[in-house]
């Protein structure tokens, strides 16, 4: 099992401060979508510089241009990028091509996927390194039953 810390609602200095305190206790630091939207791939570069041996996951939630967008994150220092499970298979294949080129990995985030078991099997056949079952924050707030046995995020690491 691996422990992943999500950094979503922090600034870059705050993220560095938090990671300075917990880097040896976690396996993966997730640079969350809100963080990347605010600070861009610069956040990946800066965290890689500050924590050269810590696994960094860039939660890009790639939906299109898989190879290009994954390459941007890998070039900045990400070890893992996320692609949405609802994206076209070509998008996932593109991200996997970039991952292979850089020696990195792809996590497919199943947020919004209606038939989890079926799509997870398809994703597995594509060669994804990880499948992440993710109940959307907004969906959790409604109290709506996501149709699975938990809320939050559960990721399967190989």
Protein backbone atom coordinates (compact mmCIF):
# COMPACT_ATOMS: atom_id res chain seq x y z
CA UNK A 1 0.00 0.00 0.00
CA UNK A 2 1.16 3.54 -0.72
CA UNK A 3 0.23 6.73 1.10
CA UNK A 4 -0.64 9.71 -1.09
CA UNK A 5 -1.02 13.28 0.17
CA UNK A 6 -3.22 15.56 -1.93
CA UNK A 7 -2.17 19.19 -2.19
CA UNK A 8 -5.20 20.95 -3.64
CA UNK A 9 -5.96 24.19 -1.84
CA UNK A 10 -2.45 25.38 -1.02
CA UNK A 11 -0.02 27.88 -2.45
CA UNK A 12 3.41 26.77 -3.58
CA UNK A 13 5.12 28.04 -0.40
CA UNK A 14 2.47 26.29 1.72
CA UNK A 15 2.94 23.05 -0.23
CA UNK A 16 6.69 23.17 0.34
CA UNK A 17 6.15 23.86 4.03
CA UNK A 18 3.76 20.91 4.40
CA UNK A 19 6.02 18.56 2.44
CA UNK A 20 9.04 19.58 4.50
CA UNK A 21 7.14 18.20 7.49
CA UNK A 22 5.79 14.97 5.97
CA UNK A 23 7.87 14.01 2.92
CA UNK A 24 9.49 11.03 4.69
CA UNK A 25 6.07 9.78 5.83
CA UNK A 26 4.35 9.69 2.44
CA UNK A 27 4.98 7.84 -0.80
CA UNK A 28 3.34 10.21 -3.27
CA UNK A 29 2.64 13.94 -3.23
CA UNK A 30 -0.34 14.79 -5.40
CA UNK A 31 -0.20 18.21 -7.00
CA UNK A 32 -3.96 18.64 -7.14
CA UNK A 33 -5.99 20.06 -9.97
CA UNK A 34 -6.82 23.40 -8.25
CA UNK A 35 -3.13 23.86 -7.40
CA UNK A 36 -2.03 23.17 -11.00
CA UNK A 37 -4.76 25.41 -12.43
CA UNK A 38 -3.60 28.27 -10.22
CA UNK A 39 0.18 27.81 -10.50
CA UNK A 40 0.65 25.81 -13.70
CA UNK A 41 3.35 23.25 -14.41
CA UNK A 42 5.74 25.58 -12.58
CA UNK A 43 4.35 24.00 -9.39
CA UNK A 44 5.59 20.60 -10.58
CA UNK A 45 9.03 22.01 -11.44
CA UNK A 46 9.40 23.73 -8.08
CA UNK A 47 8.29 20.72 -6.05
CA UNK A 48 10.61 18.45 -8.04
CA UNK A 49 13.48 20.84 -7.32
CA UNK A 50 12.62 20.93 -3.60
CA UNK A 51 11.93 17.17 -3.28
CA UNK A 52 14.05 15.35 -5.86
CA UNK A 53 13.27 11.82 -4.63
CA UNK A 54 9.58 12.17 -3.72
CA UNK A 55 7.10 10.69 -6.20
CA UNK A 56 4.97 13.51 -7.66
CA UNK A 57 1.54 12.94 -9.13
CA UNK A 58 0.23 15.73 -11.39
CA UNK A 59 -3.57 15.55 -11.20
CA UNK A 60 -4.12 17.05 -14.64
CA UNK A 61 -7.32 15.09 -15.31
CA UNK A 62 -6.31 14.92 -18.98
CA UNK A 63 -9.32 14.74 -21.29
CA UNK A 64 -7.71 15.45 -24.68
CA UNK A 65 -4.24 15.78 -26.23
CA UNK A 66 -3.05 13.00 -23.94
CA UNK A 67 0.49 12.64 -25.21
CA UNK A 68 1.18 16.37 -25.33
CA UNK A 69 -0.31 17.22 -21.93
CA UNK A 70 1.31 14.25 -20.20
CA UNK A 71 4.67 15.18 -21.73
CA UNK A 72 4.37 18.71 -20.30
CA UNK A 73 3.98 17.29 -16.80
CA UNK A 74 6.69 14.65 -17.23
CA UNK A 75 9.16 17.23 -18.56
CA UNK A 76 8.41 19.36 -15.48
CA UNK A 77 9.23 16.42 -13.18
CA UNK A 78 5.98 14.55 -12.55
CA UNK A 79 6.25 10.81 -12.03
CA UNK A 80 2.55 10.11 -12.57
CA UNK A 81 -0.19 11.99 -14.44
CA UNK A 82 -3.94 11.48 -14.34
CA UNK A 83 -6.15 10.92 -17.35
CA UNK A 84 -9.93 10.82 -17.05
CA UNK A 85 -11.55 7.43 -17.52
CA UNK A 86 -14.27 9.05 -19.62
CA UNK A 87 -11.66 10.30 -22.12
CA UNK A 88 -11.38 8.58 -25.49
CA UNK A 89 -9.04 5.58 -25.51
CA UNK A 90 -6.77 7.49 -27.91
CA UNK A 91 -6.21 10.09 -25.20
CA UNK A 92 -5.20 7.43 -22.68
CA UNK A 93 -2.96 5.76 -25.27
CA UNK A 94 -1.29 9.10 -25.95
CA UNK A 95 -0.58 9.68 -22.26
CA UNK A 96 0.74 6.11 -21.98
CA UNK A 97 3.03 6.76 -24.96
CA UNK A 98 4.44 9.83 -23.21
CA UNK A 99 4.81 7.85 -19.98
CA UNK A 100 6.76 5.16 -21.79
CA UNK A 101 8.99 7.75 -23.46
CA UNK A 102 9.83 9.41 -20.12
CA UNK A 103 9.85 6.24 -18.01
CA UNK A 104 6.87 7.46 -15.99
CA UNK A 105 3.32 6.32 -15.22
CA UNK A 106 -0.36 7.05 -15.86
CA UNK A 107 -3.24 6.87 -13.39
CA UNK A 108 -6.72 6.76 -14.90
CA UNK A 109 -9.24 8.61 -12.73
CA UNK A 110 -12.69 7.04 -12.95
CA UNK A 111 -14.56 10.17 -11.85
CA UNK A 112 -17.82 10.37 -13.78
CA UNK A 113 -17.54 6.84 -15.21
CA UNK A 114 -20.93 5.12 -15.09
CA UNK A 115 -19.91 1.47 -15.42
CA UNK A 116 -16.79 1.25 -13.27
CA UNK A 117 -16.10 -2.46 -13.64
CA UNK A 118 -16.44 -2.46 -17.41
CA UNK A 119 -14.38 0.70 -17.95
CA UNK A 120 -11.72 -0.41 -15.45
CA UNK A 121 -11.26 -3.62 -17.45
CA UNK A 122 -10.90 -1.59 -20.65
CA UNK A 123 -8.39 0.74 -18.99
CA UNK A 124 -6.44 -2.24 -17.72
CA UNK A 125 -6.26 -3.61 -21.27
CA UNK A 126 -4.87 -0.27 -22.46
CA UNK A 127 -2.00 -0.72 -20.02
CA UNK A 128 -2.68 1.97 -17.42
CA UNK A 129 -0.43 1.73 -14.39
CA UNK A 130 -3.13 2.73 -11.89
CA UNK A 131 -6.90 2.95 -11.75
CA UNK A 132 -8.38 5.49 -9.34
CA UNK A 133 -12.01 5.22 -8.20
CA UNK A 134 -12.95 8.81 -7.42
CA UNK A 135 -16.24 10.21 -6.18
CA UNK A 136 -16.40 13.88 -7.14
CA UNK A 137 -16.23 16.45 -4.33
CA UNK A 138 -19.34 18.17 -5.68
CA UNK A 139 -21.19 14.85 -5.81
CA UNK A 140 -20.19 14.05 -2.22
CA UNK A 141 -21.62 17.38 -1.07
CA UNK A 142 -25.05 16.56 -2.54
CA UNK A 143 -25.32 13.39 -0.49
CA UNK A 144 -26.09 11.51 -3.70
CA UNK A 145 -25.21 7.83 -3.62
CA UNK A 146 -22.35 7.37 -6.08
CA UNK A 147 -23.29 3.73 -6.57
CA UNK A 148 -20.15 2.40 -4.89
CA UNK A 149 -19.42 1.53 -1.30
CA UNK A 150 -17.41 4.61 -0.31
CA UNK A 151 -16.89 8.30 -0.86
CA UNK A 152 -13.62 10.00 -1.51
CA UNK A 153 -10.82 8.51 -3.53
CA UNK A 154 -9.45 5.01 -3.67
CA UNK A 155 -6.53 4.31 -5.95
CA UNK A 156 -5.05 0.95 -6.83
CA UNK A 157 -1.27 1.08 -7.12
CA UNK A 158 0.68 -1.65 -8.85
